[in-house]
Amino acid sequence: MRACPHNRGWARANGAATCASCGVVRFTEYRAVRPPGLAEAVIRPRRDADRAAASWVTERTRRRQPATYDKWLVSLV
């Protein structure tokens, strides 16, 4: 089929316009598409790996002492 110039007009109904010659549909009303009712809350289960990783990071950051960092800075000078 060749490209339709949509010269025969548009039939409009329920927020959509349909070309009379080729049948292409264009939506004429733009708004949020939302199903009725509220969406269900998604509750992610806590995982042991997440807790283990968080505790590992916490341990490592608490271990770092400022004295060690100061020695490292002095060694750069």
C-alpha atoms as a PDB file:
ATOM      1  CA  MET A   1       0.000   0.000   0.000  1.00  0.00           C
ATOM      2  CA  ARG A   2       1.253   3.470  -0.790  1.00  0.00           C
ATOM      3  CA  ALA A   3       1.416   6.209   1.805  1.00  0.00           C
ATOM      4  CA  CYS A   4      -2.082   7.530   2.543  1.00  0.00           C
ATOM      5  CA  PRO A   5      -2.425  11.342   2.498  1.00  0.00           C
ATOM      6  CA  HIS A   6      -5.525  11.017   4.763  1.00  0.00           C
ATOM      7  CA  ASN A   7      -7.562  13.252   2.441  1.00  0.00           C
ATOM      8  CA  ARG A   8     -10.948  11.534   2.950  1.00  0.00           C
ATOM      9  CA  GLY A   9     -11.298  12.778   6.528  1.00  0.00           C
ATOM     10  CA  TRP A  10     -11.235  11.365  10.009  1.00  0.00           C
ATOM     11  CA  ALA A  11     -13.949   9.601  11.992  1.00  0.00           C
ATOM     12  CA  ARG A  12     -13.615  10.654  15.639  1.00  0.00           C
ATOM     13  CA  ALA A  13     -14.902   8.679  18.615  1.00  0.00           C
ATOM     14  CA  ASN A  14     -13.807   7.931  22.187  1.00  0.00           C
ATOM     15  CA  GLY A  15     -10.526   9.823  22.049  1.00  0.00           C
ATOM     16  CA  ALA A  16      -9.380   8.271  18.768  1.00  0.00           C
ATOM     17  CA  ALA A  17      -9.542   9.416  15.151  1.00  0.00           C
ATOM     18  CA  THR A  18      -9.643   6.871  12.317  1.00  0.00           C
ATOM     19  CA  CYS A  19      -8.722   7.674   8.699  1.00  0.00           C
ATOM     20  CA  ALA A  20     -11.652   6.989   6.373  1.00  0.00           C
ATOM     21  CA  SER A  21      -9.433   5.698   3.541  1.00  0.00           C
ATOM     22  CA  CYS A  22      -6.690   3.616   5.168  1.00  0.00           C
ATOM     23  CA  GLY A  23      -7.993   2.948   8.682  1.00  0.00           C
ATOM     24  CA  VAL A  24      -4.989   4.279  10.611  1.00  0.00           C
ATOM     25  CA  VAL A  25      -5.884   5.232  14.183  1.00  0.00           C
ATOM     26  CA  ARG A  26      -4.562   8.354  15.913  1.00  0.00           C
ATOM     27  CA  PHE A  27      -5.216   9.042  19.546  1.00  0.00           C
ATOM     28  CA  THR A  28      -6.525  12.564  20.091  1.00  0.00           C
ATOM     29  CA  GLU A  29      -6.662  12.740  23.887  1.00  0.00           C
ATOM     30  CA  TYR A  30      -3.500  12.424  25.912  1.00  0.00           C
ATOM     31  CA  ARG A  31      -3.766  11.554  29.575  1.00  0.00           C
ATOM     32  CA  ALA A  32      -2.322   9.103  32.037  1.00  0.00           C
ATOM     33  CA  VAL A  33      -3.457   5.547  31.484  1.00  0.00           C
ATOM     34  CA  ARG A  34      -4.192   4.192  34.900  1.00  0.00           C
ATOM     35  CA  PRO A  35      -6.163   1.122  35.919  1.00  0.00           C
ATOM     36  CA  PRO A  36      -8.955   1.661  38.431  1.00  0.00           C
ATOM     37  CA  GLY A  37      -8.043   1.326  42.089  1.00  0.00           C
ATOM     38  CA  LEU A  38      -4.743   1.703  43.888  1.00  0.00           C
ATOM     39  CA  ALA A  39      -1.632  -0.188  42.957  1.00  0.00           C
ATOM     40  CA  GLU A  40      -0.436  -2.850  45.352  1.00  0.00           C
ATOM     41  CA  ALA A  41       2.532  -1.949  47.498  1.00  0.00           C
ATOM     42  CA  VAL A  42       5.633  -3.897  46.600  1.00  0.00           C
ATOM     43  CA  ILE A  43       7.426  -5.125  49.690  1.00  0.00           C
ATOM     44  CA  ARG A  44      10.870  -6.478  48.965  1.00  0.00           C
ATOM     45  CA  PRO A  45      11.876  -9.283  51.305  1.00  0.00           C
ATOM     46  CA  ARG A  46      15.051  -8.689  53.269  1.00  0.00           C
ATOM     47  CA  ARG A  47      17.835 -10.914  52.168  1.00  0.00           C
ATOM     48  CA  ASP A  48      20.637 -12.278  54.262  1.00  0.00           C
ATOM     49  CA  ALA A  49      23.172 -11.299  51.599  1.00  0.00           C
ATOM     50  CA  ASP A  50      22.076  -7.651  51.782  1.00  0.00           C
ATOM     51  CA  ARG A  51      22.514  -7.607  55.534  1.00  0.00           C
ATOM     52  CA  ALA A  52      25.866  -9.377  55.345  1.00  0.00           C
ATOM     53  CA  ALA A  53      27.168  -6.881  52.784  1.00  0.00           C
ATOM     54  CA  ALA A  54      25.951  -3.931  54.857  1.00  0.00           C
ATOM     55  CA  SER A  55      27.597  -5.231  58.008  1.00  0.00           C
ATOM     56  CA  TRP A  56      30.846  -5.927  56.114  1.00  0.00           C
ATOM     57  CA  VAL A  57      30.957  -2.341  54.798  1.00  0.00           C
ATOM     58  CA  THR A  58      30.174  -0.980  58.261  1.00  0.00           C
ATOM     59  CA  GLU A  59      32.957  -3.022  59.842  1.00  0.00           C
ATOM     60  CA  ARG A  60      35.533  -1.930  57.276  1.00  0.00           C
ATOM     61  CA  THR A  61      34.707   1.758  57.555  1.00  0.00           C
ATOM     62  CA  ARG A  62      34.819   1.705  61.374  1.00  0.00           C
ATOM     63  CA  ARG A  63      38.178  -0.060  61.376  1.00  0.00           C
ATOM     64  CA  ARG A  64      39.893   2.691  59.415  1.00  0.00           C
ATOM     65  CA  GLN A  65      41.662   4.889  61.908  1.00  0.00           C
ATOM     66  CA  PRO A  66      42.645   8.479  61.238  1.00  0.00           C
ATOM     67  CA  ALA A  67      46.247   7.745  62.320  1.00  0.00           C
ATOM     68  CA  THR A  68      46.687   5.295  59.444  1.00  0.00           C
ATOM     69  CA  TYR A  69      45.283   7.828  57.012  1.00  0.00           C
ATOM     70  CA  ASP A  70      47.606  10.541  58.372  1.00  0.00           C
ATOM     71  CA  LYS A  71      50.657   8.276  57.946  1.00  0.00           C
ATOM     72  CA  TRP A  72      49.648   7.647  54.367  1.00  0.00           C
ATOM     73  CA  LEU A  73      49.305  11.369  53.666  1.00  0.00           C
ATOM     74  CA  VAL A  74      52.727  12.076  55.206  1.00  0.00           C
ATOM     75  CA  SER A  75      54.315   9.382  53.060  1.00  0.00           C
ATOM     76  CA  LEU A  76      53.096  11.195  49.931  1.00  0.00           C
ATOM     77  CA  VAL A  77      54.907  14.418  50.829  1.00  0.00           C
END
